[in-house]
Structure formats: C-alpha cells, structure tokens
Amino acid sequence: MTLSEIDEGDYIFTPEETPSQITFQVYTMYKHIDKKVQPIPAQLPEDCHIRRTISNDPLLTINSLSFNLPEFKPTKKITVDWMKLSNVNAKGFLLSEEEKLFKHIMVINEETIAFEDAEHGTLKEFYFDSYIIPTIFHIPWEYRNKPVPSGILQKVLDLLKLKIAAGVYEQSQSSYRSLWFVVLKKSDKLKIVHDLQPLNRITI
C-alpha cells in the first residue's frame, strides 16, 4: 500500500493496482497532539472524596422469612399476569418449594421493585456523598445537539419528564452541554444515550 497526505491531516491508503484488484481509498483522520487525551498526574482533592455513611446494618431491615411459606396471592404490583410474564421456573429447574419461596420474596419486597421509570429513583444522599469531577483550567464546551425529528418529539419530551420525575435528571445552570441522542429499543421504547467522551480530556 502507498500512503499519501491530503488537506487537514487526512491520509489516503491506496493499494497497488494489479489486474486482479480494484483500487479503493480509505480515509482516516490523524489526531493531532493537542487533541489527544493526556493523563495528568495529580492527587484527588480532599473535597472530592466520596464518603460512605451507613449508620445501621442494612441486613437488619430485611424482611424475615417464614418456614411455612404461604401460597402466592397477587398484590397491586405482583399480579397474576405479571407473574406469568416473568416465566418463573419455566424449565422446571426449581423445586416446588423453591418456586414458592421465590414468589414469596417478590411479594414481600414489591415496594423495592421499579415497574415504571418514575419509580427508579436514585441513591439517597445520606449514604454517599455527591460525585465531584475535578478538572484543570479549560474552556467549557457547549456542543450543539442534533435536532430531534418532529415525528418523535413528543415522545422524547415525555421521556425527559419521566426522568425528571424519577430524580435522574434535574435542572442545571452548568456551562457545559454534552451531546445526547435517542435510540429506539427492541421494545419500541425510546432510550436517551449521553456522549460523555469529552470528559476524558480534562478529568484528573
């Protein structure tokens, strides 16, 4: 192959032409030194340390189990239809008492299961400190996001409202704006994906 340079740091790889080959071109961008990720040796500031605070043993709050397991009774969340969709013990791997135990654990812990986005929530702040990303002096980036197609605009707005209601998203006055885009999952639901790669250039 022969290598030749064109404008703006692009390179063209061209194989030698033979009677049995068709010439083709592959474009690639050379990353300049100022755009490469450079690790910075530094110590994590004291105010950026994550402190864990667990005042009580979480195992003490676990619901106790009875030796005489009751038969499954549907609840508001754990319904008969939901249990059928869960396909519990479909291959018969569990014993009948083990299957009953699984269903009983699901029932007594139904409040900890999120069935909707608004029920997801986040970790409580009194367990862990908020994460702080230390940076060096730089110019904050504000990348322009790709426009959302008008056909799915309302669905995207509804998804954002669900994220805000669940506490995953919140209002921000930050000088940064990262790229994000929406993808369609197999379940015909939308998912927001965030491009956080630029953080690698300034974190220490």
C-alpha atoms as a PDB file:
ATOM      1  CA  MET A   1       0.000   0.000   0.000  1.00  0.00           C
ATOM      2  CA  THR A   2       1.050   3.577  -0.549  1.00  0.00           C
ATOM      3  CA  LEU A   3       0.339   6.392   1.902  1.00  0.00           C
ATOM      4  CA  SER A   4      -0.285   9.963   0.797  1.00  0.00           C
ATOM      5  CA  GLU A   5      -1.391  13.031   2.770  1.00  0.00           C
ATOM      6  CA  ILE A   6      -4.131  15.431   1.746  1.00  0.00           C
ATOM      7  CA  ASP A   7      -5.578  18.547   3.346  1.00  0.00           C
ATOM      8  CA  GLU A   8      -6.428  18.862   7.071  1.00  0.00           C
ATOM      9  CA  GLY A   9      -4.323  15.944   8.188  1.00  0.00           C
ATOM     10  CA  ASP A  10      -6.254  13.282   6.248  1.00  0.00           C
ATOM     11  CA  TYR A  11      -4.409  10.322   4.802  1.00  0.00           C
ATOM     12  CA  ILE A  12      -5.267   8.080   1.877  1.00  0.00           C
ATOM     13  CA  PHE A  13      -4.235   4.438   1.863  1.00  0.00           C
ATOM     14  CA  THR A  14      -4.120   3.184  -1.746  1.00  0.00           C
ATOM     15  CA  PRO A  15      -3.162  -0.410  -2.598  1.00  0.00           C
ATOM     16  CA  GLU A  16      -1.047  -1.037  -5.636  1.00  0.00           C
ATOM     17  CA  GLU A  17      -3.200  -1.696  -8.667  1.00  0.00           C
ATOM     18  CA  THR A  18      -2.997  -5.183 -10.154  1.00  0.00           C
ATOM     19  CA  PRO A  19      -5.127  -6.865 -12.808  1.00  0.00           C
ATOM     20  CA  SER A  20      -6.964  -8.847 -10.088  1.00  0.00           C
ATOM     21  CA  GLN A  21      -7.582  -5.911  -7.774  1.00  0.00           C
ATOM     22  CA  ILE A  22      -9.749  -2.807  -7.838  1.00  0.00           C
ATOM     23  CA  THR A  23      -8.199   0.360  -6.454  1.00  0.00           C
ATOM     24  CA  PHE A  24     -10.000   1.763  -3.426  1.00  0.00           C
ATOM     25  CA  GLN A  25      -9.376   4.579  -0.961  1.00  0.00           C
ATOM     26  CA  VAL A  26      -9.761   4.597   2.830  1.00  0.00           C
ATOM     27  CA  TYR A  27      -9.908   7.963   4.593  1.00  0.00           C
ATOM     28  CA  THR A  28      -8.646   8.319   8.141  1.00  0.00           C
ATOM     29  CA  MET A  29      -8.036  11.330  10.351  1.00  0.00           C
ATOM     30  CA  TYR A  30      -4.738  11.843  12.120  1.00  0.00           C
ATOM     31  CA  LYS A  31      -5.303  13.060  15.676  1.00  0.00           C
ATOM     32  CA  HIS A  32      -3.014  15.971  16.461  1.00  0.00           C
ATOM     33  CA  ILE A  33      -1.121  16.052  19.745  1.00  0.00           C
ATOM     34  CA  ASP A  34      -3.265  18.851  21.166  1.00  0.00           C
ATOM     35  CA  LYS A  35      -6.414  16.739  20.681  1.00  0.00           C
ATOM     36  CA  LYS A  36      -5.095  13.574  22.272  1.00  0.00           C
ATOM     37  CA  VAL A  37      -6.071  12.569  25.788  1.00  0.00           C
ATOM     38  CA  GLN A  38      -3.210  13.418  28.098  1.00  0.00           C
ATOM     39  CA  PRO A  39      -3.213  11.907  31.611  1.00  0.00           C
ATOM     40  CA  ILE A  40      -2.369  14.407  34.344  1.00  0.00           C
ATOM     41  CA  PRO A  41      -0.600  13.110  37.462  1.00  0.00           C
ATOM     42  CA  ALA A  42      -2.345  14.709  40.423  1.00  0.00           C
ATOM     43  CA  GLN A  43      -3.835  13.843  43.780  1.00  0.00           C
ATOM     44  CA  LEU A  44      -7.571  13.798  44.232  1.00  0.00           C
ATOM     45  CA  PRO A  45      -8.637  16.896  46.182  1.00  0.00           C
ATOM     46  CA  GLU A  46      -9.947  16.272  49.674  1.00  0.00           C
ATOM     47  CA  ASP A  47     -13.390  17.732  48.931  1.00  0.00           C
ATOM     48  CA  CYS A  48     -13.815  15.272  46.025  1.00  0.00           C
ATOM     49  CA  HIS A  49     -13.520  12.143  48.154  1.00  0.00           C
ATOM     50  CA  ILE A  50     -16.655  10.044  48.327  1.00  0.00           C
ATOM     51  CA  ARG A  51     -17.583   9.310  51.923  1.00  0.00           C
ATOM     52  CA  ARG A  52     -19.828   6.386  52.690  1.00  0.00           C
ATOM     53  CA  THR A  53     -22.145   6.701  55.675  1.00  0.00           C
ATOM     54  CA  ILE A  54     -24.112   3.641  56.736  1.00  0.00           C
ATOM     55  CA  SER A  55     -25.454   4.222  60.226  1.00  0.00           C
ATOM     56  CA  ASN A  56     -27.328   0.930  60.543  1.00  0.00           C
ATOM     57  CA  ASP A  57     -26.755  -2.559  59.230  1.00  0.00           C
ATOM     58  CA  PRO A  58     -28.959  -2.928  56.105  1.00  0.00           C
ATOM     59  CA  LEU A  59     -29.324  -6.647  56.804  1.00  0.00           C
ATOM     60  CA  LEU A  60     -31.355  -5.801  59.902  1.00  0.00           C
ATOM     61  CA  THR A  61     -34.105  -4.270  57.770  1.00  0.00           C
ATOM     62  CA  ILE A  62     -34.575  -7.304  55.547  1.00  0.00           C
ATOM     63  CA  ASN A  63     -37.996  -8.881  55.796  1.00  0.00           C
ATOM     64  CA  SER A  64     -37.925 -12.164  57.704  1.00  0.00           C
ATOM     65  CA  LEU A  65     -38.967 -15.399  56.029  1.00  0.00           C
ATOM     66  CA  SER A  66     -41.299 -17.985  57.458  1.00  0.00           C
ATOM     67  CA  PHE A  67     -40.605 -21.709  57.403  1.00  0.00           C
ATOM     68  CA  ASN A  68     -44.212 -22.265  56.355  1.00  0.00           C
ATOM     69  CA  LEU A  69     -44.444 -20.393  53.073  1.00  0.00           C
ATOM     70  CA  PRO A  70     -47.928 -19.222  52.059  1.00  0.00           C
ATOM     71  CA  GLU A  71     -49.375 -19.764  48.631  1.00  0.00           C
ATOM     72  CA  PHE A  72     -48.923 -16.966  46.146  1.00  0.00           C
ATOM     73  CA  LYS A  73     -51.516 -14.203  46.430  1.00  0.00           C
ATOM     74  CA  PRO A  74     -51.473 -11.430  43.824  1.00  0.00           C
ATOM     75  CA  THR A  75     -50.916  -7.878  45.002  1.00  0.00           C
ATOM     76  CA  LYS A  76     -51.252  -4.462  43.409  1.00  0.00           C
ATOM     77  CA  LYS A  77     -47.864  -4.772  41.717  1.00  0.00           C
ATOM     78  CA  ILE A  78     -47.199  -8.511  41.620  1.00  0.00           C
ATOM     79  CA  THR A  79     -50.237  -9.570  39.653  1.00  0.00           C
ATOM     80  CA  VAL A  80     -51.040 -12.941  38.113  1.00  0.00           C
ATOM     81  CA  ASP A  81     -50.377 -11.589  34.620  1.00  0.00           C
ATOM     82  CA  TRP A  82     -47.026 -10.138  35.723  1.00  0.00           C
ATOM     83  CA  MET A  83     -46.019 -13.460  37.248  1.00  0.00           C
ATOM     84  CA  LYS A  84     -46.895 -15.231  34.006  1.00  0.00           C
ATOM     85  CA  LEU A  85     -44.786 -12.760  32.027  1.00  0.00           C
ATOM     86  CA  SER A  86     -41.901 -13.370  34.440  1.00  0.00           C
ATOM     87  CA  ASN A  87     -41.992 -17.022  33.370  1.00  0.00           C
ATOM     88  CA  VAL A  88     -40.795 -18.252  36.759  1.00  0.00           C
ATOM     89  CA  ASN A  89     -39.355 -21.765  36.699  1.00  0.00           C
ATOM     90  CA  ALA A  90     -40.266 -22.270  33.056  1.00  0.00           C
ATOM     91  CA  LYS A  91     -37.795 -25.173  32.645  1.00  0.00           C
ATOM     92  CA  GLY A  92     -38.691 -26.797  35.962  1.00  0.00           C
ATOM     93  CA  PHE A  93     -35.236 -26.311  37.430  1.00  0.00           C
ATOM     94  CA  LEU A  94     -36.565 -25.220  40.838  1.00  0.00           C
ATOM     95  CA  LEU A  95     -38.398 -27.429  43.262  1.00  0.00           C
ATOM     96  CA  SER A  96     -41.986 -26.517  44.091  1.00  0.00           C
ATOM     97  CA  GLU A  97     -40.965 -25.103  47.500  1.00  0.00           C
ATOM     98  CA  GLU A  98     -38.143 -23.103  45.887  1.00  0.00           C
ATOM     99  CA  GLU A  99     -40.542 -21.652  43.337  1.00  0.00           C
ATOM    100  CA  LYS A 100     -42.945 -20.758  46.154  1.00  0.00           C
ATOM    101  CA  LEU A 101     -40.074 -19.112  48.042  1.00  0.00           C
ATOM    102  CA  PHE A 102     -39.135 -17.022  45.010  1.00  0.00           C
ATOM    103  CA  LYS A 103     -42.682 -15.761  44.577  1.00  0.00           C
ATOM    104  CA  HIS A 104     -42.980 -15.024  48.285  1.00  0.00           C
ATOM    105  CA  ILE A 105     -39.779 -12.943  48.258  1.00  0.00           C
ATOM    106  CA  MET A 106     -41.089 -10.973  45.279  1.00  0.00           C
ATOM    107  CA  VAL A 107     -44.332 -10.224  47.117  1.00  0.00           C
ATOM    108  CA  ILE A 108     -42.836  -9.058  50.418  1.00  0.00           C
ATOM    109  CA  ASN A 109     -40.304  -6.862  48.601  1.00  0.00           C
ATOM    110  CA  GLU A 110     -42.598  -5.448  45.928  1.00  0.00           C
ATOM    111  CA  GLU A 111     -42.027  -1.863  47.094  1.00  0.00           C
ATOM    112  CA  THR A 112     -38.352  -2.132  46.134  1.00  0.00           C
ATOM    113  CA  ILE A 113     -39.136  -3.165  42.548  1.00  0.00           C
ATOM    114  CA  ALA A 114     -39.456  -0.389  39.974  1.00  0.00           C
ATOM    115  CA  PHE A 115     -42.122  -1.122  37.405  1.00  0.00           C
ATOM    116  CA  GLU A 116     -42.049   2.362  35.855  1.00  0.00           C
ATOM    117  CA  ASP A 117     -39.349   4.957  35.181  1.00  0.00           C
ATOM    118  CA  ALA A 118     -40.794   7.302  37.788  1.00  0.00           C
ATOM    119  CA  GLU A 119     -40.187   4.631  40.456  1.00  0.00           C
ATOM    120  CA  HIS A 120     -36.463   4.155  39.755  1.00  0.00           C
ATOM    121  CA  GLY A 121     -35.145   6.944  41.957  1.00  0.00           C
ATOM    122  CA  THR A 122     -31.504   7.433  42.939  1.00  0.00           C
ATOM    123  CA  LEU A 123     -29.216   6.616  45.853  1.00  0.00           C
ATOM    124  CA  LYS A 124     -30.047   8.566  48.980  1.00  0.00           C
ATOM    125  CA  GLU A 125     -27.516  11.284  49.693  1.00  0.00           C
ATOM    126  CA  PHE A 126     -27.097  10.380  53.366  1.00  0.00           C
ATOM    127  CA  TYR A 127     -25.487   7.096  52.263  1.00  0.00           C
ATOM    128  CA  PHE A 128     -22.962   8.522  49.776  1.00  0.00           C
ATOM    129  CA  ASP A 129     -21.624  11.994  49.014  1.00  0.00           C
ATOM    130  CA  SER A 130     -22.322  13.540  45.635  1.00  0.00           C
ATOM    131  CA  TYR A 131     -19.732  12.835  42.955  1.00  0.00           C
ATOM    132  CA  ILE A 132     -17.463  15.751  42.064  1.00  0.00           C
ATOM    133  CA  ILE A 133     -15.320  15.590  38.918  1.00  0.00           C
ATOM    134  CA  PRO A 134     -12.126  17.650  39.391  1.00  0.00           C
ATOM    135  CA  THR A 135     -10.885  19.458  36.302  1.00  0.00           C
ATOM    136  CA  ILE A 136      -7.993  21.622  35.205  1.00  0.00           C
ATOM    137  CA  PHE A 137      -8.288  25.090  33.725  1.00  0.00           C
ATOM    138  CA  HIS A 138     -10.019  24.875  30.342  1.00  0.00           C
ATOM    139  CA  ILE A 139     -12.744  26.405  28.217  1.00  0.00           C
ATOM    140  CA  PRO A 140     -16.157  24.815  28.944  1.00  0.00           C
ATOM    141  CA  TRP A 141     -17.613  23.037  25.940  1.00  0.00           C
ATOM    142  CA  GLU A 142     -21.087  23.546  24.593  1.00  0.00           C
ATOM    143  CA  TYR A 143     -21.704  21.072  21.808  1.00  0.00           C
ATOM    144  CA  ARG A 144     -24.713  21.682  19.625  1.00  0.00           C
ATOM    145  CA  ASN A 145     -27.013  18.696  19.784  1.00  0.00           C
ATOM    146  CA  LYS A 146     -28.529  17.092  16.718  1.00  0.00           C
ATOM    147  CA  PRO A 147     -32.172  18.117  16.213  1.00  0.00           C
ATOM    148  CA  VAL A 148     -34.838  15.670  17.335  1.00  0.00           C
ATOM    149  CA  PRO A 149     -37.120  14.524  14.481  1.00  0.00           C
ATOM    150  CA  SER A 150     -40.535  16.101  14.757  1.00  0.00           C
ATOM    151  CA  GLY A 151     -42.206  12.689  14.500  1.00  0.00           C
ATOM    152  CA  ILE A 152     -40.833  11.570  17.887  1.00  0.00           C
ATOM    153  CA  LEU A 153     -40.518  14.975  19.544  1.00  0.00           C
ATOM    154  CA  GLN A 154     -43.480  14.483  21.884  1.00  0.00           C
ATOM    155  CA  LYS A 155     -42.228  11.017  22.896  1.00  0.00           C
ATOM    156  CA  VAL A 156     -38.811  12.468  23.705  1.00  0.00           C
ATOM    157  CA  LEU A 157     -40.392  15.231  25.801  1.00  0.00           C
ATOM    158  CA  ASP A 158     -42.469  12.665  27.701  1.00  0.00           C
ATOM    159  CA  LEU A 159     -39.332  10.604  28.332  1.00  0.00           C
ATOM    160  CA  LEU A 160     -37.480  13.639  29.672  1.00  0.00           C
ATOM    161  CA  LYS A 161     -40.385  14.419  32.009  1.00  0.00           C
ATOM    162  CA  LEU A 162     -40.272  10.847  33.346  1.00  0.00           C
ATOM    163  CA  LYS A 163     -36.531  11.165  34.004  1.00  0.00           C
ATOM    164  CA  ILE A 164     -37.087  14.425  35.883  1.00  0.00           C
ATOM    165  CA  ALA A 165     -39.941  12.933  37.913  1.00  0.00           C
ATOM    166  CA  ALA A 166     -37.724   9.968  38.857  1.00  0.00           C
ATOM    167  CA  GLY A 167     -34.959  12.285  40.030  1.00  0.00           C
ATOM    168  CA  VAL A 168     -32.490  11.057  37.392  1.00  0.00           C
ATOM    169  CA  TYR A 169     -32.446  14.435  35.621  1.00  0.00           C
ATOM    170  CA  GLU A 170     -32.541  17.838  37.286  1.00  0.00           C
ATOM    171  CA  GLN A 171     -32.288  21.467  36.286  1.00  0.00           C
ATOM    172  CA  SER A 172     -28.727  22.685  35.771  1.00  0.00           C
ATOM    173  CA  GLN A 173     -27.019  26.038  35.249  1.00  0.00           C
ATOM    174  CA  SER A 174     -23.736  24.436  34.187  1.00  0.00           C
ATOM    175  CA  SER A 175     -21.556  25.967  31.488  1.00  0.00           C
ATOM    176  CA  TYR A 176     -21.219  22.560  29.843  1.00  0.00           C
ATOM    177  CA  ARG A 177     -23.528  20.927  27.363  1.00  0.00           C
ATOM    178  CA  SER A 178     -22.706  17.392  26.200  1.00  0.00           C
ATOM    179  CA  LEU A 179     -24.136  15.605  23.202  1.00  0.00           C
ATOM    180  CA  TRP A 180     -27.014  13.181  23.600  1.00  0.00           C
ATOM    181  CA  PHE A 181     -29.193  11.260  21.188  1.00  0.00           C
ATOM    182  CA  VAL A 182     -32.218   8.983  21.223  1.00  0.00           C
ATOM    183  CA  VAL A 183     -32.281   5.359  20.096  1.00  0.00           C
ATOM    184  CA  LEU A 184     -35.225   3.030  19.589  1.00  0.00           C
ATOM    185  CA  LYS A 185     -35.070  -0.195  21.638  1.00  0.00           C
ATOM    186  CA  LYS A 186     -36.475  -3.556  20.607  1.00  0.00           C
ATOM    187  CA  SER A 187     -39.417  -2.976  22.938  1.00  0.00           C
ATOM    188  CA  ASP A 188     -40.409   0.032  20.750  1.00  0.00           C
ATOM    189  CA  LYS A 189     -39.436   2.409  23.573  1.00  0.00           C
ATOM    190  CA  LEU A 190     -37.016   5.320  23.324  1.00  0.00           C
ATOM    191  CA  LYS A 191     -33.734   5.486  25.231  1.00  0.00           C
ATOM    192  CA  ILE A 192     -31.577   8.564  25.744  1.00  0.00           C
ATOM    193  CA  VAL A 193     -27.843   7.972  25.304  1.00  0.00           C
ATOM    194  CA  HIS A 194     -25.305  10.533  26.517  1.00  0.00           C
ATOM    195  CA  ASP A 195     -21.935  11.105  24.870  1.00  0.00           C
ATOM    196  CA  LEU A 196     -19.614  11.880  27.815  1.00  0.00           C
ATOM    197  CA  GLN A 197     -16.357  11.150  25.998  1.00  0.00           C
ATOM    198  CA  PRO A 198     -15.095  14.796  26.152  1.00  0.00           C
ATOM    199  CA  LEU A 199     -14.772  14.416  29.936  1.00  0.00           C
ATOM    200  CA  ASN A 200     -11.698  12.235  29.362  1.00  0.00           C
ATOM    201  CA  ARG A 201      -9.787  15.238  28.143  1.00  0.00           C
ATOM    202  CA  ILE A 202      -9.919  17.231  31.350  1.00  0.00           C
ATOM    203  CA  THR A 203     -10.512  14.878  34.274  1.00  0.00           C
ATOM    204  CA  ILE A 204      -7.635  14.145  36.627  1.00  0.00           C
END
